[in-house]
Amino acid sequence: MVALPKHYCDKHADQEHEYVPRDMHRYNTVTRKRNENKRAQYNFYRTKQWVNIRQRVLDEQHYLCQYCKCDGIVKQGKIVDHIVPIEASPNDKADISNLAVICSSCHTLKTKWEQQTYGTGKGNQLKQVSPIRSIAMINKLMKNK
């Protein structure tokens, strides 16, 4: 018998760490790797270089959402996000000045804003626009202020 929320019985418990839900497997193998550019981006996030850069940004920005901070709100963030998305500025993917800590709610807003502004995301066509590097400006635009 399997005791939920586990996926394996006691006899096979050592295999628990290998369990990947079907939806996550599809997301990682189909959506994230849908073309060569996305595959390269996904692979970058799995490098030691990214792990080190990400931790440096989290430490330097004290795990605080830089977008909420623009509104005078102190909120924890655990995501390190590219200010200008990699699709729009591939050479800046490891540039620490292009990275900011962001909370999940701001990340959702920013992702939608990036899709409209830069044409990023699945099925979208990348637009030739000047990148916006100011967190304060992006914050205003993504929250329609």
N, C-alpha and C. Protein backbone atom coordinates (compact mmCIF):
# COMPACT_ATOMS: atom_id res chain seq x y z
N MET A 1 0.84 -1.19 0.00
CA MET A 1 0.00 0.00 0.00
C MET A 1 0.88 1.25 0.00
N VAL A 2 0.36 2.29 -0.57
CA VAL A 2 1.07 3.56 -0.63
C VAL A 2 0.36 4.55 0.29
N ALA A 3 1.13 5.17 1.15
CA ALA A 3 0.57 6.19 2.05
C ALA A 3 0.70 7.54 1.36
N LEU A 4 -0.45 8.12 1.00
CA LEU A 4 -0.44 9.43 0.34
C LEU A 4 0.15 10.46 1.28
N PRO A 5 0.88 11.44 0.81
CA PRO A 5 1.03 11.90 -0.56
C PRO A 5 2.17 11.23 -1.33
N LYS A 6 2.76 10.18 -0.79
CA LYS A 6 3.85 9.50 -1.49
C LYS A 6 3.30 8.77 -2.72
N HIS A 7 4.23 8.42 -3.63
CA HIS A 7 3.85 7.75 -4.86
C HIS A 7 4.35 6.31 -4.91
N TYR A 8 5.15 5.93 -3.92
CA TYR A 8 5.73 4.59 -3.89
C TYR A 8 5.55 3.97 -2.51
N CYS A 9 5.48 2.63 -2.46
CA CYS A 9 5.37 1.89 -1.20
C CYS A 9 6.71 1.92 -0.48
N ASP A 10 6.73 1.42 0.74
CA ASP A 10 7.96 1.41 1.54
C ASP A 10 9.07 0.63 0.84
N LYS A 11 8.70 -0.46 0.17
CA LYS A 11 9.70 -1.29 -0.51
C LYS A 11 10.41 -0.52 -1.62
N HIS A 12 9.70 0.39 -2.28
CA HIS A 12 10.26 1.13 -3.41
C HIS A 12 10.42 2.63 -3.12
N ALA A 13 10.45 2.97 -1.85
CA ALA A 13 10.53 4.38 -1.45
C ALA A 13 11.77 5.08 -1.99
N ASP A 14 12.83 4.33 -2.22
CA ASP A 14 14.06 4.94 -2.74
C ASP A 14 13.89 5.49 -4.16
N GLN A 15 12.80 5.14 -4.84
CA GLN A 15 12.54 5.64 -6.19
C GLN A 15 11.67 6.90 -6.20
N GLU A 16 11.22 7.32 -5.03
CA GLU A 16 10.32 8.47 -4.91
C GLU A 16 10.91 9.72 -5.55
N HIS A 17 12.20 9.95 -5.36
CA HIS A 17 12.83 11.17 -5.90
C HIS A 17 12.84 11.21 -7.43
N GLU A 18 12.64 10.07 -8.08
CA GLU A 18 12.62 10.03 -9.54
C GLU A 18 11.23 10.28 -10.13
N TYR A 19 10.22 10.29 -9.27
CA TYR A 19 8.86 10.46 -9.74
C TYR A 19 8.66 11.86 -10.32
N VAL A 20 8.14 11.93 -11.54
CA VAL A 20 7.81 13.19 -12.19
C VAL A 20 6.38 13.08 -12.70
N PRO A 21 5.49 13.94 -12.22
CA PRO A 21 4.10 13.88 -12.71
C PRO A 21 4.05 14.02 -14.24
N ARG A 22 3.08 13.39 -14.86
CA ARG A 22 2.97 13.40 -16.33
C ARG A 22 2.90 14.83 -16.88
N ASP A 23 2.13 15.70 -16.24
CA ASP A 23 2.01 17.08 -16.73
C ASP A 23 3.34 17.80 -16.68
N MET A 24 4.11 17.58 -15.61
CA MET A 24 5.42 18.22 -15.48
C MET A 24 6.37 17.68 -16.54
N HIS A 25 6.31 16.38 -16.80
CA HIS A 25 7.17 15.79 -17.82
C HIS A 25 6.85 16.41 -19.19
N ARG A 26 5.56 16.50 -19.51
CA ARG A 26 5.17 17.10 -20.79
C ARG A 26 5.62 18.55 -20.87
N TYR A 27 5.44 19.31 -19.78
CA TYR A 27 5.85 20.71 -19.77
C TYR A 27 7.35 20.82 -20.02
N ASN A 28 8.14 20.01 -19.33
CA ASN A 28 9.59 20.09 -19.46
C ASN A 28 10.10 19.61 -20.81
N THR A 29 9.48 18.59 -21.39
CA THR A 29 9.99 18.02 -22.63
C THR A 29 9.38 18.62 -23.89
N VAL A 30 8.16 19.14 -23.80
CA VAL A 30 7.50 19.68 -24.99
C VAL A 30 7.46 21.21 -24.96
N THR A 31 6.91 21.78 -23.92
CA THR A 31 6.72 23.22 -23.85
C THR A 31 8.05 23.96 -23.69
N ARG A 32 8.84 23.56 -22.71
CA ARG A 32 10.09 24.26 -22.45
C ARG A 32 11.11 24.07 -23.56
N LYS A 33 11.07 22.96 -24.25
CA LYS A 33 12.07 22.66 -25.27
C LYS A 33 11.46 22.69 -26.67
N ARG A 34 10.50 23.59 -26.90
CA ARG A 34 9.73 23.58 -28.14
C ARG A 34 10.55 23.96 -29.37
N ASN A 35 11.65 24.68 -29.19
CA ASN A 35 12.53 24.98 -30.32
C ASN A 35 13.96 25.12 -29.79
N GLU A 36 14.89 25.31 -30.68
CA GLU A 36 16.31 25.34 -30.28
C GLU A 36 16.63 26.47 -29.31
N ASN A 37 16.03 27.65 -29.51
CA ASN A 37 16.27 28.77 -28.60
C ASN A 37 15.74 28.47 -27.20
N LYS A 38 14.52 27.94 -27.13
CA LYS A 38 13.94 27.61 -25.82
C LYS A 38 14.73 26.48 -25.14
N ARG A 39 15.22 25.54 -25.93
CA ARG A 39 16.01 24.44 -25.38
C ARG A 39 17.29 24.99 -24.76
N ALA A 40 17.94 25.94 -25.46
CA ALA A 40 19.17 26.54 -24.94
C ALA A 40 18.89 27.33 -23.66
N GLN A 41 17.77 28.05 -23.64
CA GLN A 41 17.40 28.80 -22.43
C GLN A 41 17.17 27.86 -21.26
N TYR A 42 16.40 26.81 -21.50
CA TYR A 42 16.09 25.84 -20.45
C TYR A 42 17.38 25.21 -19.92
N ASN A 43 18.27 24.86 -20.83
CA ASN A 43 19.54 24.26 -20.42
C ASN A 43 20.40 25.23 -19.62
N PHE A 44 20.36 26.52 -19.96
CA PHE A 44 21.11 27.53 -19.21
C PHE A 44 20.67 27.55 -17.74
N TYR A 45 19.37 27.44 -17.51
CA TYR A 45 18.86 27.48 -16.14
C TYR A 45 19.26 26.25 -15.33
N ARG A 46 19.85 25.29 -15.97
CA ARG A 46 20.29 24.07 -15.29
C ARG A 46 21.82 24.05 -15.09
N THR A 47 22.49 25.17 -15.38
CA THR A 47 23.95 25.22 -15.25
C THR A 47 24.37 25.70 -13.86
N LYS A 48 25.60 25.37 -13.51
CA LYS A 48 26.16 25.83 -12.25
C LYS A 48 26.31 27.36 -12.28
N GLN A 49 26.62 27.90 -13.45
CA GLN A 49 26.74 29.35 -13.60
C GLN A 49 25.43 30.04 -13.18
N TRP A 50 24.29 29.54 -13.67
CA TRP A 50 23.01 30.14 -13.32
C TRP A 50 22.72 29.99 -11.83
N VAL A 51 22.99 28.83 -11.28
CA VAL A 51 22.74 28.59 -9.85
C VAL A 51 23.51 29.60 -9.01
N ASN A 52 24.77 29.84 -9.38
CA ASN A 52 25.60 30.80 -8.63
C ASN A 52 25.12 32.25 -8.81
N ILE A 53 24.79 32.61 -10.05
CA ILE A 53 24.30 33.98 -10.32
C ILE A 53 22.98 34.21 -9.59
N ARG A 54 22.09 33.24 -9.67
CA ARG A 54 20.78 33.36 -9.03
C ARG A 54 20.94 33.57 -7.52
N GLN A 55 21.79 32.78 -6.90
CA GLN A 55 21.99 32.92 -5.46
C GLN A 55 22.59 34.27 -5.10
N ARG A 56 23.50 34.75 -5.94
CA ARG A 56 24.11 36.07 -5.70
C ARG A 56 23.05 37.17 -5.73
N VAL A 57 22.17 37.10 -6.73
CA VAL A 57 21.10 38.11 -6.85
C VAL A 57 20.16 38.04 -5.64
N LEU A 58 19.75 36.83 -5.26
CA LEU A 58 18.88 36.68 -4.10
C LEU A 58 19.53 37.28 -2.85
N ASP A 59 20.80 37.00 -2.65
CA ASP A 59 21.52 37.52 -1.48
C ASP A 59 21.65 39.04 -1.53
N GLU A 60 22.06 39.56 -2.68
CA GLU A 60 22.27 41.01 -2.81
C GLU A 60 20.97 41.80 -2.68
N GLN A 61 19.87 41.21 -3.14
CA GLN A 61 18.58 41.91 -3.10
C GLN A 61 17.73 41.43 -1.92
N HIS A 62 18.36 40.69 -1.02
CA HIS A 62 17.76 40.27 0.25
C HIS A 62 16.42 39.55 0.10
N TYR A 63 16.26 38.80 -1.00
CA TYR A 63 15.04 38.02 -1.24
C TYR A 63 13.80 38.91 -1.26
N LEU A 64 13.95 40.17 -1.66
CA LEU A 64 12.82 41.10 -1.70
C LEU A 64 12.44 41.42 -3.14
N CYS A 65 11.15 41.36 -3.41
CA CYS A 65 10.64 41.67 -4.75
C CYS A 65 10.96 43.12 -5.10
N GLN A 66 11.71 43.30 -6.16
CA GLN A 66 12.14 44.64 -6.57
C GLN A 66 10.99 45.43 -7.20
N TYR A 67 9.98 44.75 -7.69
CA TYR A 67 8.82 45.42 -8.29
C TYR A 67 7.88 45.93 -7.21
N CYS A 68 7.63 45.11 -6.19
CA CYS A 68 6.83 45.57 -5.05
C CYS A 68 7.53 46.72 -4.34
N LYS A 69 8.84 46.63 -4.27
CA LYS A 69 9.65 47.67 -3.62
C LYS A 69 9.41 49.04 -4.27
N CYS A 70 9.17 49.06 -5.57
CA CYS A 70 8.87 50.31 -6.28
C CYS A 70 7.58 50.95 -5.76
N ASP A 71 6.69 50.11 -5.24
CA ASP A 71 5.41 50.60 -4.70
C ASP A 71 5.48 50.82 -3.20
N GLY A 72 6.67 50.70 -2.63
CA GLY A 72 6.83 50.87 -1.19
C GLY A 72 6.36 49.67 -0.38
N ILE A 73 6.26 48.53 -1.03
CA ILE A 73 5.80 47.31 -0.37
C ILE A 73 6.99 46.38 -0.17
N VAL A 74 7.10 45.84 1.03
CA VAL A 74 8.15 44.87 1.32
C VAL A 74 7.53 43.49 1.21
N LYS A 75 7.98 42.72 0.20
CA LYS A 75 7.42 41.40 -0.03
C LYS A 75 8.53 40.44 -0.44
N GLN A 76 8.51 39.25 0.11
CA GLN A 76 9.52 38.26 -0.20
C GLN A 76 9.36 37.77 -1.63
N GLY A 77 10.48 37.57 -2.27
CA GLY A 77 10.51 36.99 -3.60
C GLY A 77 11.54 35.89 -3.64
N LYS A 78 11.25 34.84 -4.36
CA LYS A 78 12.19 33.73 -4.49
C LYS A 78 12.58 33.46 -5.93
N ILE A 79 11.96 34.20 -6.85
CA ILE A 79 12.24 34.02 -8.27
C ILE A 79 13.26 35.08 -8.69
N VAL A 80 14.25 34.67 -9.46
CA VAL A 80 15.19 35.62 -10.07
C VAL A 80 14.80 35.70 -11.54
N ASP A 81 14.43 36.89 -11.96
CA ASP A 81 13.85 37.12 -13.28
C ASP A 81 14.76 38.02 -14.11
N HIS A 82 14.77 37.77 -15.42
CA HIS A 82 15.48 38.67 -16.33
C HIS A 82 14.62 39.92 -16.54
N ILE A 83 15.19 41.07 -16.29
CA ILE A 83 14.48 42.34 -16.47
C ILE A 83 14.07 42.46 -17.93
N VAL A 84 15.03 42.29 -18.83
CA VAL A 84 14.74 42.18 -20.26
C VAL A 84 14.82 40.69 -20.57
N PRO A 85 13.74 40.08 -21.07
CA PRO A 85 13.73 38.63 -21.28
C PRO A 85 14.85 38.16 -22.20
N ILE A 86 15.26 36.92 -21.99
CA ILE A 86 16.34 36.34 -22.79
C ILE A 86 16.01 36.39 -24.27
N GLU A 87 14.76 36.14 -24.65
CA GLU A 87 14.40 36.17 -26.07
C GLU A 87 14.70 37.52 -26.69
N ALA A 88 14.49 38.59 -25.94
CA ALA A 88 14.70 39.95 -26.46
C ALA A 88 16.15 40.40 -26.36
N SER A 89 16.91 39.77 -25.46
CA SER A 89 18.30 40.17 -25.26
C SER A 89 19.14 38.97 -24.83
N PRO A 90 19.39 38.03 -25.76
CA PRO A 90 20.07 36.79 -25.41
C PRO A 90 21.47 36.97 -24.84
N ASN A 91 22.15 38.03 -25.21
CA ASN A 91 23.51 38.25 -24.70
C ASN A 91 23.54 38.67 -23.24
N ASP A 92 22.38 39.04 -22.69
CA ASP A 92 22.32 39.50 -21.30
C ASP A 92 21.82 38.41 -20.34
N LYS A 93 21.79 37.17 -20.80
CA LYS A 93 21.21 36.11 -19.95
C LYS A 93 22.00 35.90 -18.66
N ALA A 94 23.30 36.16 -18.66
CA ALA A 94 24.11 35.97 -17.44
C ALA A 94 24.58 37.30 -16.86
N ASP A 95 24.02 38.40 -17.36
CA ASP A 95 24.38 39.74 -16.87
C ASP A 95 23.61 40.04 -15.59
N ILE A 96 24.33 40.16 -14.51
CA ILE A 96 23.70 40.35 -13.20
C ILE A 96 22.89 41.65 -13.13
N SER A 97 23.24 42.64 -13.95
CA SER A 97 22.48 43.89 -13.94
C SER A 97 21.13 43.73 -14.65
N ASN A 98 20.93 42.61 -15.32
CA ASN A 98 19.67 42.33 -16.00
C ASN A 98 18.80 41.36 -15.20
N LEU A 99 19.10 41.21 -13.91
CA LEU A 99 18.38 40.26 -13.07
C LEU A 99 17.79 40.95 -11.86
N ALA A 100 16.61 40.50 -11.46
CA ALA A 100 15.95 41.07 -10.28
C ALA A 100 15.13 40.00 -9.58
N VAL A 101 15.07 40.11 -8.27
CA VAL A 101 14.20 39.23 -7.48
C VAL A 101 12.76 39.71 -7.70
N ILE A 102 11.87 38.75 -7.84
CA ILE A 102 10.47 39.08 -8.11
C ILE A 102 9.58 38.06 -7.39
N CYS A 103 8.46 38.52 -6.86
CA CYS A 103 7.49 37.62 -6.21
C CYS A 103 6.65 36.94 -7.29
N SER A 104 5.93 35.92 -6.92
CA SER A 104 5.16 35.16 -7.91
C SER A 104 4.04 35.99 -8.54
N SER A 105 3.38 36.85 -7.76
CA SER A 105 2.28 37.64 -8.35
C SER A 105 2.81 38.67 -9.34
N CYS A 106 3.92 39.32 -9.01
CA CYS A 106 4.53 40.27 -9.96
C CYS A 106 5.08 39.52 -11.18
N HIS A 107 5.60 38.33 -10.96
CA HIS A 107 6.14 37.54 -12.08
C HIS A 107 5.05 37.19 -13.08
N THR A 108 3.86 36.87 -12.58
CA THR A 108 2.73 36.58 -13.47
C THR A 108 2.37 37.81 -14.29
N LEU A 109 2.27 38.98 -13.62
CA LEU A 109 1.97 40.23 -14.33
C LEU A 109 3.05 40.56 -15.36
N LYS A 110 4.30 40.39 -14.95
CA LYS A 110 5.42 40.73 -15.84
C LYS A 110 5.46 39.81 -17.05
N THR A 111 5.18 38.55 -16.85
CA THR A 111 5.17 37.60 -17.97
C THR A 111 4.11 38.01 -19.00
N LYS A 112 2.93 38.38 -18.54
CA LYS A 112 1.86 38.83 -19.45
C LYS A 112 2.29 40.12 -20.17
N TRP A 113 2.92 41.03 -19.42
CA TRP A 113 3.37 42.29 -20.00
C TRP A 113 4.45 42.02 -21.06
N GLU A 114 5.38 41.10 -20.77
CA GLU A 114 6.44 40.76 -21.73
C GLU A 114 5.85 40.16 -23.01
N GLN A 115 4.82 39.35 -22.86
CA GLN A 115 4.19 38.75 -24.04
C GLN A 115 3.60 39.83 -24.94
N GLN A 116 2.98 40.85 -24.33
CA GLN A 116 2.39 41.93 -25.12
C GLN A 116 3.46 42.88 -25.67
N THR A 117 4.47 43.18 -24.86
CA THR A 117 5.47 44.18 -25.23
C THR A 117 6.53 43.63 -26.17
N TYR A 118 7.10 42.48 -25.81
CA TYR A 118 8.20 41.91 -26.58
C TYR A 118 7.77 40.80 -27.53
N GLY A 119 6.58 40.27 -27.34
CA GLY A 119 6.13 39.16 -28.17
C GLY A 119 6.75 37.84 -27.75
N THR A 120 7.08 37.70 -26.48
CA THR A 120 7.67 36.47 -25.97
C THR A 120 6.58 35.44 -25.69
N GLY A 121 7.00 34.22 -25.43
CA GLY A 121 6.05 33.18 -25.06
C GLY A 121 5.68 32.30 -26.24
N LYS A 122 5.03 31.20 -25.90
CA LYS A 122 4.64 30.21 -26.90
C LYS A 122 3.68 30.79 -27.93
N GLY A 123 4.01 30.61 -29.18
CA GLY A 123 3.13 31.04 -30.26
C GLY A 123 3.24 32.51 -30.62
N ASN A 124 3.99 33.27 -29.86
CA ASN A 124 4.12 34.70 -30.14
C ASN A 124 5.28 34.96 -31.08
N GLN A 125 5.22 36.08 -31.74
CA GLN A 125 6.30 36.51 -32.62
C GLN A 125 7.07 37.63 -31.93
N LEU A 126 8.38 37.47 -31.83
CA LEU A 126 9.22 38.46 -31.18
C LEU A 126 9.14 39.78 -31.92
N LYS A 127 8.90 40.86 -31.17
CA LYS A 127 8.77 42.19 -31.76
C LYS A 127 10.11 42.92 -31.68
N GLN A 128 10.35 43.76 -32.64
CA GLN A 128 11.56 44.58 -32.65
C GLN A 128 11.29 45.88 -31.89
N VAL A 129 11.47 45.84 -30.59
CA VAL A 129 11.24 47.01 -29.75
C VAL A 129 12.48 47.27 -28.91
N SER A 130 12.63 48.50 -28.48
CA SER A 130 13.75 48.84 -27.60
C SER A 130 13.51 48.24 -26.23
N PRO A 131 14.51 47.56 -25.68
CA PRO A 131 14.33 46.95 -24.36
C PRO A 131 14.19 47.99 -23.26
N ILE A 132 13.34 47.71 -22.31
CA ILE A 132 13.16 48.58 -21.14
C ILE A 132 13.93 47.95 -20.00
N ARG A 133 14.90 48.66 -19.46
CA ARG A 133 15.78 48.11 -18.43
C ARG A 133 15.48 48.66 -17.03
N SER A 134 14.52 49.55 -16.93
CA SER A 134 14.17 50.15 -15.65
C SER A 134 13.05 49.35 -14.96
N ILE A 135 13.36 48.84 -13.78
CA ILE A 135 12.35 48.09 -13.02
C ILE A 135 11.17 48.99 -12.69
N ALA A 136 11.44 50.23 -12.31
CA ALA A 136 10.37 51.18 -11.97
C ALA A 136 9.44 51.41 -13.16
N MET A 137 10.01 51.56 -14.34
CA MET A 137 9.20 51.78 -15.56
C MET A 137 8.39 50.53 -15.89
N ILE A 138 9.03 49.38 -15.84
CA ILE A 138 8.32 48.12 -16.13
C ILE A 138 7.19 47.94 -15.11
N ASN A 139 7.46 48.24 -13.85
CA ASN A 139 6.44 48.12 -12.80
C ASN A 139 5.21 48.97 -13.13
N LYS A 140 5.44 50.20 -13.55
CA LYS A 140 4.33 51.08 -13.92
C LYS A 140 3.56 50.52 -15.11
N LEU A 141 4.29 50.10 -16.12
CA LEU A 141 3.64 49.62 -17.35
C LEU A 141 2.88 48.32 -17.11
N MET A 142 3.46 47.40 -16.34
CA MET A 142 2.79 46.10 -16.17
C MET A 142 1.58 46.20 -15.23
N LYS A 143 1.56 47.24 -14.38
CA LYS A 143 0.43 47.43 -13.48
C LYS A 143 -0.50 48.53 -13.98
N ASN A 144 -0.24 49.01 -15.21
CA ASN A 144 -1.05 50.05 -15.85
C ASN A 144 -1.23 51.29 -14.98
N LYS A 145 -0.13 51.78 -14.45
CA LYS A 145 -0.22 52.96 -13.58
C LYS A 145 -0.07 54.22 -14.38
